[in-house]
Amino acid sequence: MQPKRYSEMTEWELKQEIAALTEKARKAEQMGMINEYAVYERKIAMAKAYLLDPNDFQPGEFYEIDGAPRSLFKVQYVNGVFAWGYRLDEPDKEVALPISMLKKKADLN
């Protein structure tokens, strides 16, 4: 049987998936399997993105990147659960981040 896509899951199913992935990530980290841990962290970020409203992320706005608090990200546009834009320290390099990785930056000063 094909596993369900995150986009097909209910909120409850997504939260169950996040809990299971968090446990797997914790075990991978304890065992020193850094690459496996990183994969689980990315899957968790993807699942969490489906719990958020993409309309809450506006083009032209600046956001902090979760896990990189000093790195600002400017959203150019949102497509599904991905925000496309660039990091301020790399303005020539467009990237896509799951919206769950973005935190509203209230003040740029």
N, C-alpha and C. Protein backbone atom coordinates (compact mmCIF):
# COMPACT_ATOMS: atom_id res chain seq x y z
N MET A 1 0.83 -1.19 0.00
CA MET A 1 0.00 0.00 0.00
C MET A 1 0.87 1.25 0.00
N GLN A 2 0.50 2.18 -0.84
CA GLN A 2 1.24 3.45 -0.97
C GLN A 2 0.96 4.33 0.26
N PRO A 3 2.01 4.87 0.90
CA PRO A 3 1.76 5.76 2.03
C PRO A 3 1.05 7.05 1.57
N LYS A 4 0.26 7.62 2.47
CA LYS A 4 -0.45 8.87 2.16
C LYS A 4 0.53 10.02 2.04
N ARG A 5 0.23 10.93 1.14
CA ARG A 5 1.00 12.17 1.04
C ARG A 5 0.57 13.09 2.17
N TYR A 6 1.47 13.97 2.58
CA TYR A 6 1.12 14.92 3.63
C TYR A 6 -0.10 15.76 3.23
N SER A 7 -0.19 16.10 1.96
CA SER A 7 -1.31 16.92 1.48
C SER A 7 -2.65 16.20 1.60
N GLU A 8 -2.63 14.88 1.71
CA GLU A 8 -3.86 14.09 1.82
C GLU A 8 -4.22 13.78 3.28
N MET A 9 -3.33 14.10 4.21
CA MET A 9 -3.55 13.76 5.61
C MET A 9 -4.41 14.79 6.32
N THR A 10 -5.14 14.31 7.32
CA THR A 10 -5.90 15.21 8.19
C THR A 10 -4.94 15.85 9.19
N GLU A 11 -5.43 16.86 9.89
CA GLU A 11 -4.59 17.50 10.91
C GLU A 11 -4.14 16.48 11.95
N TRP A 12 -5.05 15.61 12.37
CA TRP A 12 -4.71 14.58 13.36
C TRP A 12 -3.62 13.65 12.83
N GLU A 13 -3.76 13.21 11.57
CA GLU A 13 -2.76 12.32 10.97
C GLU A 13 -1.41 13.01 10.86
N LEU A 14 -1.41 14.29 10.50
CA LEU A 14 -0.15 15.03 10.41
C LEU A 14 0.53 15.11 11.77
N LYS A 15 -0.24 15.37 12.80
CA LYS A 15 0.34 15.47 14.14
C LYS A 15 0.89 14.12 14.60
N GLN A 16 0.22 13.04 14.25
CA GLN A 16 0.72 11.70 14.57
C GLN A 16 2.02 11.42 13.82
N GLU A 17 2.07 11.81 12.56
CA GLU A 17 3.27 11.63 11.73
C GLU A 17 4.44 12.44 12.31
N ILE A 18 4.16 13.67 12.71
CA ILE A 18 5.20 14.53 13.28
C ILE A 18 5.74 13.90 14.57
N ALA A 19 4.86 13.37 15.41
CA ALA A 19 5.29 12.72 16.65
C ALA A 19 6.17 11.51 16.36
N ALA A 20 5.77 10.70 15.38
CA ALA A 20 6.55 9.50 15.03
C ALA A 20 7.91 9.89 14.46
N LEU A 21 7.94 10.89 13.59
CA LEU A 21 9.20 11.35 13.00
C LEU A 21 10.11 11.97 14.05
N THR A 22 9.53 12.68 15.00
CA THR A 22 10.31 13.29 16.08
C THR A 22 10.99 12.21 16.91
N GLU A 23 10.29 11.14 17.18
CA GLU A 23 10.87 10.02 17.94
C GLU A 23 12.00 9.36 17.13
N LYS A 24 11.79 9.17 15.84
CA LYS A 24 12.83 8.58 14.99
C LYS A 24 14.06 9.50 14.93
N ALA A 25 13.82 10.81 14.85
CA ALA A 25 14.93 11.77 14.81
C ALA A 25 15.71 11.72 16.12
N ARG A 26 15.01 11.64 17.24
CA ARG A 26 15.66 11.58 18.54
C ARG A 26 16.56 10.35 18.64
N LYS A 27 16.05 9.22 18.17
CA LYS A 27 16.83 7.97 18.21
C LYS A 27 18.05 8.06 17.29
N ALA A 28 17.85 8.63 16.10
CA ALA A 28 18.97 8.77 15.16
C ALA A 28 20.05 9.68 15.75
N GLU A 29 19.63 10.75 16.41
CA GLU A 29 20.58 11.67 17.03
C GLU A 29 21.35 10.97 18.15
N GLN A 30 20.64 10.20 18.96
CA GLN A 30 21.29 9.47 20.06
C GLN A 30 22.33 8.47 19.55
N MET A 31 22.04 7.90 18.39
CA MET A 31 22.95 6.90 17.83
C MET A 31 24.04 7.53 16.98
N GLY A 32 24.04 8.86 16.88
CA GLY A 32 25.07 9.55 16.13
C GLY A 32 24.90 9.49 14.63
N MET A 33 23.70 9.16 14.17
CA MET A 33 23.44 9.08 12.73
C MET A 33 22.94 10.44 12.24
N ILE A 34 23.90 11.33 12.02
CA ILE A 34 23.60 12.72 11.72
C ILE A 34 22.83 12.89 10.41
N ASN A 35 23.20 12.15 9.38
CA ASN A 35 22.50 12.26 8.10
C ASN A 35 21.05 11.82 8.22
N GLU A 36 20.81 10.73 8.92
CA GLU A 36 19.46 10.23 9.12
C GLU A 36 18.64 11.24 9.95
N TYR A 37 19.28 11.80 10.97
CA TYR A 37 18.64 12.83 11.79
C TYR A 37 18.20 14.01 10.92
N ALA A 38 19.07 14.46 10.02
CA ALA A 38 18.77 15.59 9.15
C ALA A 38 17.58 15.28 8.24
N VAL A 39 17.51 14.05 7.75
CA VAL A 39 16.38 13.65 6.89
C VAL A 39 15.07 13.73 7.67
N TYR A 40 15.07 13.24 8.90
CA TYR A 40 13.86 13.30 9.71
C TYR A 40 13.47 14.74 10.02
N GLU A 41 14.46 15.59 10.29
CA GLU A 41 14.17 17.00 10.57
C GLU A 41 13.49 17.66 9.36
N ARG A 42 13.94 17.33 8.16
CA ARG A 42 13.34 17.88 6.94
C ARG A 42 11.92 17.37 6.77
N LYS A 43 11.71 16.08 7.04
CA LYS A 43 10.36 15.52 6.94
C LYS A 43 9.42 16.16 7.95
N ILE A 44 9.92 16.42 9.15
CA ILE A 44 9.11 17.08 10.18
C ILE A 44 8.72 18.48 9.71
N ALA A 45 9.67 19.21 9.15
CA ALA A 45 9.39 20.56 8.64
C ALA A 45 8.34 20.52 7.54
N MET A 46 8.41 19.53 6.67
CA MET A 46 7.42 19.40 5.60
C MET A 46 6.04 19.11 6.16
N ALA A 47 5.96 18.16 7.09
CA ALA A 47 4.66 17.82 7.68
C ALA A 47 4.07 19.02 8.41
N LYS A 48 4.90 19.75 9.15
CA LYS A 48 4.42 20.93 9.88
C LYS A 48 3.91 22.00 8.92
N ALA A 49 4.51 22.10 7.74
CA ALA A 49 4.09 23.11 6.76
C ALA A 49 2.63 22.91 6.36
N TYR A 50 2.19 21.66 6.33
CA TYR A 50 0.80 21.38 5.95
C TYR A 50 -0.19 21.72 7.05
N LEU A 51 0.30 22.05 8.23
CA LEU A 51 -0.57 22.49 9.32
C LEU A 51 -0.75 24.02 9.32
N LEU A 52 -0.02 24.71 8.45
CA LEU A 52 -0.04 26.17 8.41
C LEU A 52 -0.84 26.67 7.21
N ASP A 53 -1.24 27.92 7.27
CA ASP A 53 -1.96 28.55 6.18
C ASP A 53 -0.96 29.33 5.31
N PRO A 54 -0.76 28.92 4.06
CA PRO A 54 0.19 29.63 3.19
C PRO A 54 -0.15 31.11 3.03
N ASN A 55 -1.41 31.49 3.21
CA ASN A 55 -1.80 32.89 3.07
C ASN A 55 -1.25 33.78 4.18
N ASP A 56 -0.73 33.17 5.23
CA ASP A 56 -0.12 33.93 6.32
C ASP A 56 1.29 34.41 5.98
N PHE A 57 1.82 33.99 4.85
CA PHE A 57 3.19 34.33 4.44
C PHE A 57 3.10 35.20 3.19
N GLN A 58 3.45 36.47 3.37
CA GLN A 58 3.23 37.46 2.33
C GLN A 58 4.49 37.80 1.54
N PRO A 59 4.37 37.89 0.21
CA PRO A 59 5.49 38.33 -0.62
C PRO A 59 5.97 39.71 -0.17
N GLY A 60 7.29 39.88 -0.17
CA GLY A 60 7.89 41.14 0.24
C GLY A 60 8.21 41.22 1.72
N GLU A 61 7.69 40.29 2.49
CA GLU A 61 7.93 40.28 3.94
C GLU A 61 9.24 39.55 4.25
N PHE A 62 9.82 39.91 5.40
CA PHE A 62 11.04 39.27 5.88
C PHE A 62 10.71 38.32 7.01
N TYR A 63 11.39 37.18 7.03
CA TYR A 63 11.18 36.16 8.06
C TYR A 63 12.52 35.65 8.53
N GLU A 64 12.57 35.26 9.79
CA GLU A 64 13.75 34.54 10.29
C GLU A 64 13.60 33.09 9.87
N ILE A 65 14.73 32.44 9.66
CA ILE A 65 14.72 31.02 9.31
C ILE A 65 14.92 30.22 10.58
N ASP A 66 13.99 29.31 10.84
CA ASP A 66 14.09 28.45 12.02
C ASP A 66 15.40 27.68 11.97
N GLY A 67 16.15 27.75 13.03
CA GLY A 67 17.44 27.08 13.08
C GLY A 67 18.59 27.98 12.64
N ALA A 68 18.26 29.14 12.10
CA ALA A 68 19.29 30.12 11.69
C ALA A 68 18.74 31.52 12.03
N PRO A 69 18.63 31.83 13.32
CA PRO A 69 17.95 33.05 13.75
C PRO A 69 18.52 34.35 13.23
N ARG A 70 19.76 34.39 12.84
CA ARG A 70 20.34 35.63 12.32
C ARG A 70 20.23 35.74 10.80
N SER A 71 19.68 34.72 10.19
CA SER A 71 19.56 34.69 8.74
C SER A 71 18.13 35.10 8.35
N LEU A 72 18.02 36.21 7.62
CA LEU A 72 16.71 36.68 7.18
C LEU A 72 16.40 36.19 5.77
N PHE A 73 15.13 35.92 5.55
CA PHE A 73 14.64 35.40 4.28
C PHE A 73 13.54 36.33 3.79
N LYS A 74 13.66 36.78 2.54
CA LYS A 74 12.62 37.62 1.94
C LYS A 74 11.79 36.78 0.98
N VAL A 75 10.49 36.71 1.26
CA VAL A 75 9.58 35.92 0.43
C VAL A 75 9.27 36.68 -0.86
N GLN A 76 9.48 36.02 -1.98
CA GLN A 76 9.10 36.56 -3.28
C GLN A 76 7.68 36.10 -3.64
N TYR A 77 7.42 34.81 -3.43
CA TYR A 77 6.07 34.27 -3.67
C TYR A 77 5.94 32.95 -2.93
N VAL A 78 4.69 32.53 -2.76
CA VAL A 78 4.40 31.26 -2.09
C VAL A 78 3.71 30.35 -3.09
N ASN A 79 4.18 29.11 -3.16
CA ASN A 79 3.59 28.12 -4.04
C ASN A 79 3.33 26.88 -3.20
N GLY A 80 2.06 26.61 -2.91
CA GLY A 80 1.73 25.50 -2.03
C GLY A 80 2.21 25.79 -0.63
N VAL A 81 3.01 24.89 -0.06
CA VAL A 81 3.54 25.09 1.29
C VAL A 81 5.01 25.53 1.25
N PHE A 82 5.46 25.99 0.09
CA PHE A 82 6.83 26.48 -0.05
C PHE A 82 6.83 27.99 -0.29
N ALA A 83 7.74 28.66 0.42
CA ALA A 83 7.99 30.08 0.19
C ALA A 83 9.25 30.17 -0.66
N TRP A 84 9.14 30.85 -1.78
CA TRP A 84 10.29 31.07 -2.66
C TRP A 84 10.81 32.47 -2.43
N GLY A 85 12.10 32.58 -2.37
CA GLY A 85 12.71 33.88 -2.16
C GLY A 85 14.20 33.73 -2.00
N TYR A 86 14.79 34.60 -1.17
CA TYR A 86 16.24 34.55 -0.99
C TYR A 86 16.62 34.98 0.42
N ARG A 87 17.77 34.46 0.84
CA ARG A 87 18.36 34.91 2.09
C ARG A 87 19.02 36.25 1.81
N LEU A 88 18.95 37.15 2.79
CA LEU A 88 19.51 38.48 2.57
C LEU A 88 21.02 38.43 2.34
N ASP A 89 21.69 37.43 2.91
CA ASP A 89 23.13 37.34 2.69
C ASP A 89 23.48 36.67 1.35
N GLU A 90 22.47 36.17 0.63
CA GLU A 90 22.67 35.57 -0.70
C GLU A 90 21.55 36.01 -1.64
N PRO A 91 21.48 37.31 -1.97
CA PRO A 91 20.35 37.81 -2.75
C PRO A 91 20.27 37.31 -4.20
N ASP A 92 21.34 36.73 -4.70
CA ASP A 92 21.34 36.24 -6.08
C ASP A 92 20.94 34.77 -6.19
N LYS A 93 20.64 34.15 -5.05
CA LYS A 93 20.37 32.72 -5.04
C LYS A 93 18.95 32.47 -4.54
N GLU A 94 18.02 32.19 -5.48
CA GLU A 94 16.64 31.92 -5.10
C GLU A 94 16.53 30.50 -4.53
N VAL A 95 15.82 30.38 -3.40
CA VAL A 95 15.62 29.08 -2.78
C VAL A 95 14.16 28.95 -2.35
N ALA A 96 13.76 27.72 -2.12
CA ALA A 96 12.41 27.45 -1.60
C ALA A 96 12.55 26.81 -0.23
N LEU A 97 11.77 27.30 0.72
CA LEU A 97 11.77 26.75 2.07
C LEU A 97 10.34 26.38 2.45
N PRO A 98 10.16 25.27 3.17
CA PRO A 98 8.82 24.99 3.70
C PRO A 98 8.40 26.15 4.61
N ILE A 99 7.15 26.56 4.54
CA ILE A 99 6.70 27.71 5.32
C ILE A 99 6.85 27.48 6.82
N SER A 100 6.92 26.23 7.24
CA SER A 100 7.10 25.93 8.66
C SER A 100 8.48 26.35 9.18
N MET A 101 9.41 26.61 8.27
CA MET A 101 10.76 27.02 8.68
C MET A 101 10.88 28.53 8.85
N LEU A 102 9.79 29.26 8.56
CA LEU A 102 9.84 30.72 8.60
C LEU A 102 9.14 31.24 9.85
N LYS A 103 9.79 32.20 10.48
CA LYS A 103 9.23 32.87 11.68
C LYS A 103 9.15 34.35 11.36
N LYS A 104 8.01 34.94 11.64
CA LYS A 104 7.81 36.37 11.34
C LYS A 104 8.84 37.21 12.07
N LYS A 105 9.47 38.09 11.33
CA LYS A 105 10.44 39.01 11.88
C LYS A 105 9.72 40.32 12.14
N ALA A 106 9.42 40.62 13.40
CA ALA A 106 8.62 41.78 13.75
C ALA A 106 9.36 43.10 13.49
N ASP A 107 10.66 43.10 13.74
CA ASP A 107 11.40 44.36 13.65
C ASP A 107 12.77 44.10 13.03
N LEU A 108 13.10 44.82 11.99
CA LEU A 108 14.39 44.62 11.32
C LEU A 108 15.50 45.46 11.94
N ASN A 109 15.20 46.31 12.89
CA ASN A 109 16.23 47.15 13.51
C ASN A 109 16.97 46.43 14.60
